[in-house]
């Protein structure tokens, strides 16, 4: 009987340690950069507007001078601390008429937040629509 109880103890201990050894899904960094032939101010504005329309995400901080826009996940009903998810987007001027939008590489956690790819797609759609309606010749002339 003593050997049987030791066997059960070792079996339970082994299963318990194996259960603690699980690793959740690790997302690869989202380092995609969107580049558009749009002026900086317009790109920043449309990016901010696009992020402001996404359900369960709200604008947390914006700084036009640095080109940063931070959004926070507001889905509080989940048990995985999704309310702690913050993504910072960076809008940069590439040259006079070209800008880029990406998830900040200065904060590595920001690039691995679940939902970042979806937000970049929404920004891409909004800026794509803007390119169709934007024409410098119409504005100048």
Protein backbone atom coordinates (compact mmCIF):
# COMPACT_ATOMS: atom_id res chain seq x y z
CA UNK A 1 0.00 0.00 0.00
CA UNK A 2 2.88 2.33 0.76
CA UNK A 3 4.34 1.86 -2.76
CA UNK A 4 0.94 2.54 -4.32
CA UNK A 5 0.53 5.83 -2.39
CA UNK A 6 4.07 6.91 -3.44
CA UNK A 7 3.21 6.09 -7.05
CA UNK A 8 0.00 8.16 -6.85
CA UNK A 9 1.90 11.04 -5.20
CA UNK A 10 4.57 11.04 -7.92
CA UNK A 11 1.91 10.80 -10.63
CA UNK A 12 -0.07 13.76 -9.20
CA UNK A 13 3.13 15.77 -8.69
CA UNK A 14 4.25 15.07 -12.26
CA UNK A 15 0.88 16.05 -13.72
CA UNK A 16 0.80 19.19 -11.59
CA UNK A 17 4.24 20.28 -12.73
CA UNK A 18 3.39 19.50 -16.35
CA UNK A 19 0.26 21.66 -16.04
CA UNK A 20 2.29 24.58 -14.71
CA UNK A 21 4.71 24.28 -17.60
CA UNK A 22 2.26 25.44 -20.27
CA UNK A 23 3.06 28.56 -22.24
CA UNK A 24 0.42 30.81 -23.74
CA UNK A 25 0.51 31.96 -27.33
CA UNK A 26 3.39 34.34 -27.96
CA UNK A 27 2.61 36.85 -30.66
CA UNK A 28 5.38 37.88 -33.04
CA UNK A 29 6.16 41.60 -33.04
CA UNK A 30 3.99 43.58 -35.42
CA UNK A 31 6.60 45.75 -37.13
CA UNK A 32 4.63 46.55 -40.28
CA UNK A 33 5.08 50.10 -41.60
CA UNK A 34 2.36 51.75 -43.68
CA UNK A 35 3.65 54.42 -46.10
CA UNK A 36 1.36 56.91 -47.86
CA UNK A 37 1.73 59.88 -50.20
CA UNK A 38 -0.18 62.16 -47.85
CA UNK A 39 0.89 65.21 -45.83
CA UNK A 40 1.77 64.68 -42.18
CA UNK A 41 -1.16 66.63 -40.69
CA UNK A 42 -3.73 64.79 -42.78
CA UNK A 43 -2.19 61.38 -42.04
CA UNK A 44 -2.10 62.09 -38.31
CA UNK A 45 -5.72 63.31 -38.31
CA UNK A 46 -7.09 60.37 -40.32
CA UNK A 47 -5.12 57.88 -38.20
CA UNK A 48 -6.55 59.38 -35.03
CA UNK A 49 -10.08 59.39 -36.47
CA UNK A 50 -9.75 55.76 -37.60
CA UNK A 51 -8.56 54.63 -34.15
CA UNK A 52 -11.34 56.59 -32.48
CA UNK A 53 -14.00 54.58 -34.35
CA UNK A 54 -12.77 51.12 -33.31
CA UNK A 55 -15.02 49.32 -30.84
CA UNK A 56 -13.43 48.36 -27.48
CA UNK A 57 -10.46 50.70 -28.03
CA UNK A 58 -10.27 54.32 -26.90
CA UNK A 59 -7.77 57.08 -27.45
CA UNK A 60 -5.61 57.45 -24.39
CA UNK A 61 -2.91 59.93 -25.34
CA UNK A 62 -2.04 61.92 -28.45
CA UNK A 63 1.00 64.07 -29.16
CA UNK A 64 1.09 65.55 -32.64
CA UNK A 65 4.58 67.03 -32.20
CA UNK A 66 6.08 63.60 -31.49
CA UNK A 67 3.62 61.90 -33.84
CA UNK A 68 2.32 59.45 -31.24
CA UNK A 69 -1.20 58.16 -30.70
CA UNK A 70 -1.86 55.70 -27.85
CA UNK A 71 -5.01 53.61 -27.62
CA UNK A 72 -6.19 51.40 -24.74
CA UNK A 73 -8.26 48.24 -24.89
CA UNK A 74 -11.46 48.85 -22.90
CA UNK A 75 -12.82 45.30 -23.02
CA UNK A 76 -13.10 44.82 -19.23
CA UNK A 77 -15.26 41.70 -19.30
CA UNK A 78 -12.41 39.33 -20.14
CA UNK A 79 -10.21 37.67 -17.55
CA UNK A 80 -6.85 38.13 -19.28
CA UNK A 81 -6.12 41.75 -18.30
CA UNK A 82 -7.15 43.06 -21.69
CA UNK A 83 -7.78 46.43 -20.05
CA UNK A 84 -4.01 46.73 -19.59
CA UNK A 85 -3.35 46.56 -23.32
CA UNK A 86 -2.00 49.81 -24.74
CA UNK A 87 -0.73 50.27 -28.28
CA UNK A 88 1.24 53.34 -29.32
CA UNK A 89 1.22 54.28 -32.99
CA UNK A 90 3.83 56.58 -34.52
CA UNK A 91 3.20 58.84 -37.50
CA UNK A 92 6.45 60.01 -39.13
CA UNK A 93 7.24 62.34 -41.99
CA UNK A 94 9.30 60.44 -44.57
CA UNK A 95 9.68 63.41 -46.92
CA UNK A 96 7.63 66.47 -47.86
CA UNK A 97 4.59 64.63 -49.21
CA UNK A 98 5.06 61.16 -47.72
CA UNK A 99 4.33 59.85 -44.24
CA UNK A 100 4.48 56.51 -42.48
CA UNK A 101 2.40 54.92 -39.72
CA UNK A 102 3.63 52.07 -37.53
CA UNK A 103 3.34 50.62 -34.05
CA UNK A 104 6.03 52.15 -31.86
CA UNK A 105 9.24 50.16 -31.75
CA UNK A 106 10.38 52.09 -28.66
CA UNK A 107 7.97 50.02 -26.57
CA UNK A 108 8.43 46.34 -27.54
CA UNK A 109 5.29 45.33 -25.60
CA UNK A 110 3.24 47.63 -27.81
CA UNK A 111 4.18 45.63 -30.92
CA UNK A 112 3.00 42.35 -29.35
CA UNK A 113 -0.42 43.45 -28.13
CA UNK A 114 -3.27 41.34 -29.45
CA UNK A 115 -5.35 43.43 -31.85
CA UNK A 116 -2.51 45.55 -33.22
CA UNK A 117 -2.71 43.98 -36.67
CA UNK A 118 -6.45 44.67 -36.86
CA UNK A 119 -5.92 48.30 -35.87
CA UNK A 120 -3.21 48.73 -38.52
CA UNK A 121 -5.61 47.30 -41.12
CA UNK A 122 -8.28 49.81 -40.08
CA UNK A 123 -5.77 52.65 -40.33
CA UNK A 124 -4.68 51.36 -43.74
CA UNK A 125 -8.28 51.32 -44.99
CA UNK A 126 -8.91 54.87 -43.76
CA UNK A 127 -5.71 56.22 -45.32
CA UNK A 128 -6.38 54.29 -48.53
CA UNK A 129 -9.76 56.02 -48.84
CA UNK A 130 -8.05 59.34 -48.17
CA UNK A 131 -5.55 58.80 -50.99
CA UNK A 132 -8.43 58.24 -53.41
CA UNK A 133 -10.02 61.57 -52.47
CA UNK A 134 -6.78 63.55 -51.97
CA UNK A 135 -5.18 65.24 -54.93
CA UNK A 136 -2.62 68.04 -54.42
CA UNK A 137 -3.51 69.52 -57.83
CA UNK A 138 -7.14 70.00 -56.73
CA UNK A 139 -6.06 71.79 -53.57
CA UNK A 140 -3.46 74.06 -55.20
CA UNK A 141 -5.38 74.97 -58.26
